[in-house]
Amino acid sequence: MNAPLPDPIAAFFEASNGAVPFDPDRCFAVDAVVQDENRTHRGHAAIAAWLREAQRTTAFTAEPLEVVPRDAGMTIRARVAGNFPGSPVELDHVFRLADDRITNLEIG
């Protein structure tokens, strides 16, 4: 991928891949919402618990492939590989940003 990612999105992918410890304040607004696998996670504590559980049960990596800018954010197509059926898959990560933080992330 050639396009640079905004800092909070780059930090999210680094943490989700286990390259750095996850610090929700580095990436997400306090009242941020993450939607993944038909579940909604609101706020730092819920988002941190979601990512810890996903890393514990799935042992995945996400490699950004393509960036599509949107009005208040961007869609990142990523190749997600791990110990789950159908791996690897390409998933869209739809980010909304405000004040240099992720306010909403929808993975699907």
C-alpha atoms as a PDB file:
ATOM      1  CA  MET A   1       0.000   0.000   0.000  1.00  0.00           C
ATOM      2  CA  ASN A   2       1.404   3.377  -1.004  1.00  0.00           C
ATOM      3  CA  ALA A   3      -0.845   5.904   0.751  1.00  0.00           C
ATOM      4  CA  PRO A   4       0.126   6.870   4.300  1.00  0.00           C
ATOM      5  CA  LEU A   5      -2.474   6.246   6.993  1.00  0.00           C
ATOM      6  CA  PRO A   6      -3.538   8.939   9.463  1.00  0.00           C
ATOM      7  CA  ASP A   7      -1.794   8.462  12.814  1.00  0.00           C
ATOM      8  CA  PRO A   8      -4.768   7.038  14.760  1.00  0.00           C
ATOM      9  CA  ILE A   9      -5.516   4.487  12.010  1.00  0.00           C
ATOM     10  CA  ALA A  10      -1.858   3.483  11.705  1.00  0.00           C
ATOM     11  CA  ALA A  11      -1.742   3.098  15.505  1.00  0.00           C
ATOM     12  CA  PHE A  12      -4.854   0.906  15.426  1.00  0.00           C
ATOM     13  CA  PHE A  13      -3.335  -1.470  12.837  1.00  0.00           C
ATOM     14  CA  GLU A  14      -0.003  -1.590  14.728  1.00  0.00           C
ATOM     15  CA  ALA A  15      -1.781  -2.508  17.951  1.00  0.00           C
ATOM     16  CA  SER A  16      -4.206  -4.968  16.353  1.00  0.00           C
ATOM     17  CA  ASN A  17      -1.216  -6.764  14.799  1.00  0.00           C
ATOM     18  CA  GLY A  18       0.525  -6.930  18.187  1.00  0.00           C
ATOM     19  CA  ALA A  19       3.423  -4.644  17.149  1.00  0.00           C
ATOM     20  CA  VAL A  20       2.750  -2.320  20.103  1.00  0.00           C
ATOM     21  CA  PRO A  21       0.566  -2.567  23.214  1.00  0.00           C
ATOM     22  CA  PHE A  22      -2.959  -1.292  22.602  1.00  0.00           C
ATOM     23  CA  ASP A  23      -3.678   2.121  24.100  1.00  0.00           C
ATOM     24  CA  PRO A  24      -7.238   3.139  23.160  1.00  0.00           C
ATOM     25  CA  ASP A  25      -6.491   6.791  23.929  1.00  0.00           C
ATOM     26  CA  ARG A  26      -3.834   6.792  21.198  1.00  0.00           C
ATOM     27  CA  CYS A  27      -6.396   5.837  18.534  1.00  0.00           C
ATOM     28  CA  PHE A  28      -9.993   6.257  19.682  1.00  0.00           C
ATOM     29  CA  ALA A  29     -12.187   9.056  20.973  1.00  0.00           C
ATOM     30  CA  VAL A  30     -13.517   8.440  24.496  1.00  0.00           C
ATOM     31  CA  ASP A  31     -17.031   7.719  23.168  1.00  0.00           C
ATOM     32  CA  ALA A  32     -15.907   5.806  20.050  1.00  0.00           C
ATOM     33  CA  VAL A  33     -17.914   2.904  18.643  1.00  0.00           C
ATOM     34  CA  VAL A  34     -16.564  -0.253  16.984  1.00  0.00           C
ATOM     35  CA  GLN A  35     -18.856  -2.593  15.048  1.00  0.00           C
ATOM     36  CA  ASP A  36     -17.444  -6.028  14.245  1.00  0.00           C
ATOM     37  CA  GLU A  37     -19.088  -9.423  13.694  1.00  0.00           C
ATOM     38  CA  ASN A  38     -22.572  -8.040  14.437  1.00  0.00           C
ATOM     39  CA  ARG A  39     -21.484  -6.683  17.821  1.00  0.00           C
ATOM     40  CA  THR A  40     -21.113  -3.094  18.975  1.00  0.00           C
ATOM     41  CA  HIS A  41     -18.398  -1.973  21.409  1.00  0.00           C
ATOM     42  CA  ARG A  42     -18.651   1.540  22.932  1.00  0.00           C
ATOM     43  CA  GLY A  43     -15.926   3.443  24.754  1.00  0.00           C
ATOM     44  CA  HIS A  44     -12.305   2.719  25.590  1.00  0.00           C
ATOM     45  CA  ALA A  45     -12.877  -0.153  28.036  1.00  0.00           C
ATOM     46  CA  ALA A  46     -15.218  -2.067  25.700  1.00  0.00           C
ATOM     47  CA  ILE A  47     -12.978  -1.491  22.673  1.00  0.00           C
ATOM     48  CA  ALA A  48      -9.878  -2.648  24.581  1.00  0.00           C
ATOM     49  CA  ALA A  49     -11.720  -5.778  25.771  1.00  0.00           C
ATOM     50  CA  TRP A  50     -12.920  -6.485  22.198  1.00  0.00           C
ATOM     51  CA  LEU A  51      -9.420  -6.257  20.737  1.00  0.00           C
ATOM     52  CA  ARG A  52      -7.835  -8.335  23.539  1.00  0.00           C
ATOM     53  CA  GLU A  53     -10.443 -11.062  23.037  1.00  0.00           C
ATOM     54  CA  ALA A  54     -10.049 -11.016  19.246  1.00  0.00           C
ATOM     55  CA  GLN A  55      -6.272 -11.314  19.561  1.00  0.00           C
ATOM     56  CA  ARG A  56      -6.563 -14.082  22.156  1.00  0.00           C
ATOM     57  CA  THR A  57      -9.029 -16.231  20.223  1.00  0.00           C
ATOM     58  CA  THR A  58      -8.062 -15.586  16.619  1.00  0.00           C
ATOM     59  CA  ALA A  59      -4.316 -14.791  16.435  1.00  0.00           C
ATOM     60  CA  PHE A  60      -4.757 -12.630  13.349  1.00  0.00           C
ATOM     61  CA  THR A  61      -2.864 -10.027  11.353  1.00  0.00           C
ATOM     62  CA  ALA A  62      -4.400  -7.261   9.251  1.00  0.00           C
ATOM     63  CA  GLU A  63      -2.446  -5.837   6.320  1.00  0.00           C
ATOM     64  CA  PRO A  64      -3.841  -2.615   4.821  1.00  0.00           C
ATOM     65  CA  LEU A  65      -4.064  -2.954   1.031  1.00  0.00           C
ATOM     66  CA  GLU A  66      -6.068  -0.002  -0.241  1.00  0.00           C
ATOM     67  CA  VAL A  67      -7.188   3.404   1.067  1.00  0.00           C
ATOM     68  CA  VAL A  68     -10.369   5.125  -0.116  1.00  0.00           C
ATOM     69  CA  PRO A  69     -10.866   8.607   1.383  1.00  0.00           C
ATOM     70  CA  ARG A  70     -14.371   9.466   2.621  1.00  0.00           C
ATOM     71  CA  ASP A  71     -15.933  12.701   3.907  1.00  0.00           C
ATOM     72  CA  ALA A  72     -15.030  12.343   7.583  1.00  0.00           C
ATOM     73  CA  GLY A  73     -12.670   9.409   7.332  1.00  0.00           C
ATOM     74  CA  MET A  74     -11.688   6.577   5.055  1.00  0.00           C
ATOM     75  CA  THR A  75     -12.225   2.984   4.095  1.00  0.00           C
ATOM     76  CA  ILE A  76      -9.223   0.692   4.365  1.00  0.00           C
ATOM     77  CA  ARG A  77      -9.378  -2.662   2.605  1.00  0.00           C
ATOM     78  CA  ALA A  78      -7.170  -5.055   4.587  1.00  0.00           C
ATOM     79  CA  ARG A  79      -6.099  -8.660   4.179  1.00  0.00           C
ATOM     80  CA  VAL A  80      -6.882 -10.368   7.473  1.00  0.00           C
ATOM     81  CA  ALA A  81      -5.188 -13.702   8.101  1.00  0.00           C
ATOM     82  CA  GLY A  82      -5.328 -15.927  11.151  1.00  0.00           C
ATOM     83  CA  ASN A  83      -6.583 -19.144  12.634  1.00  0.00           C
ATOM     84  CA  PHE A  84     -10.195 -18.803  11.513  1.00  0.00           C
ATOM     85  CA  PRO A  85     -12.203 -20.519   8.758  1.00  0.00           C
ATOM     86  CA  GLY A  86     -11.736 -18.963   5.322  1.00  0.00           C
ATOM     87  CA  SER A  87      -8.447 -17.239   6.190  1.00  0.00           C
ATOM     88  CA  PRO A  88      -7.208 -15.044   4.660  1.00  0.00           C
ATOM     89  CA  VAL A  89     -10.052 -12.669   3.829  1.00  0.00           C
ATOM     90  CA  GLU A  90     -10.190  -9.086   2.628  1.00  0.00           C
ATOM     91  CA  LEU A  91     -12.303  -6.886   4.886  1.00  0.00           C
ATOM     92  CA  ASP A  92     -13.267  -3.241   4.661  1.00  0.00           C
ATOM     93  CA  HIS A  93     -12.464  -1.193   7.748  1.00  0.00           C
ATOM     94  CA  VAL A  94     -14.619   1.954   7.581  1.00  0.00           C
ATOM     95  CA  PHE A  95     -13.174   4.648   9.837  1.00  0.00           C
ATOM     96  CA  ARG A  96     -14.703   7.977  10.852  1.00  0.00           C
ATOM     97  CA  LEU A  97     -12.359  10.513  12.409  1.00  0.00           C
ATOM     98  CA  ALA A  98     -12.712  13.675  14.474  1.00  0.00           C
ATOM     99  CA  ASP A  99     -10.074  15.668  16.352  1.00  0.00           C
ATOM    100  CA  ASP A 100      -7.351  13.203  15.282  1.00  0.00           C
ATOM    101  CA  ARG A 101      -9.148  10.226  16.853  1.00  0.00           C
ATOM    102  CA  ILE A 102     -11.272   7.384  15.509  1.00  0.00           C
ATOM    103  CA  THR A 103     -14.905   7.992  16.429  1.00  0.00           C
ATOM    104  CA  ASN A 104     -16.357   5.010  14.574  1.00  0.00           C
ATOM    105  CA  LEU A 105     -14.954   1.832  13.077  1.00  0.00           C
ATOM    106  CA  GLU A 106     -17.057  -0.671  11.178  1.00  0.00           C
ATOM    107  CA  ILE A 107     -15.380  -3.888  10.054  1.00  0.00           C
ATOM    108  CA  GLY A 108     -17.070  -6.025   7.436  1.00  0.00           C
END
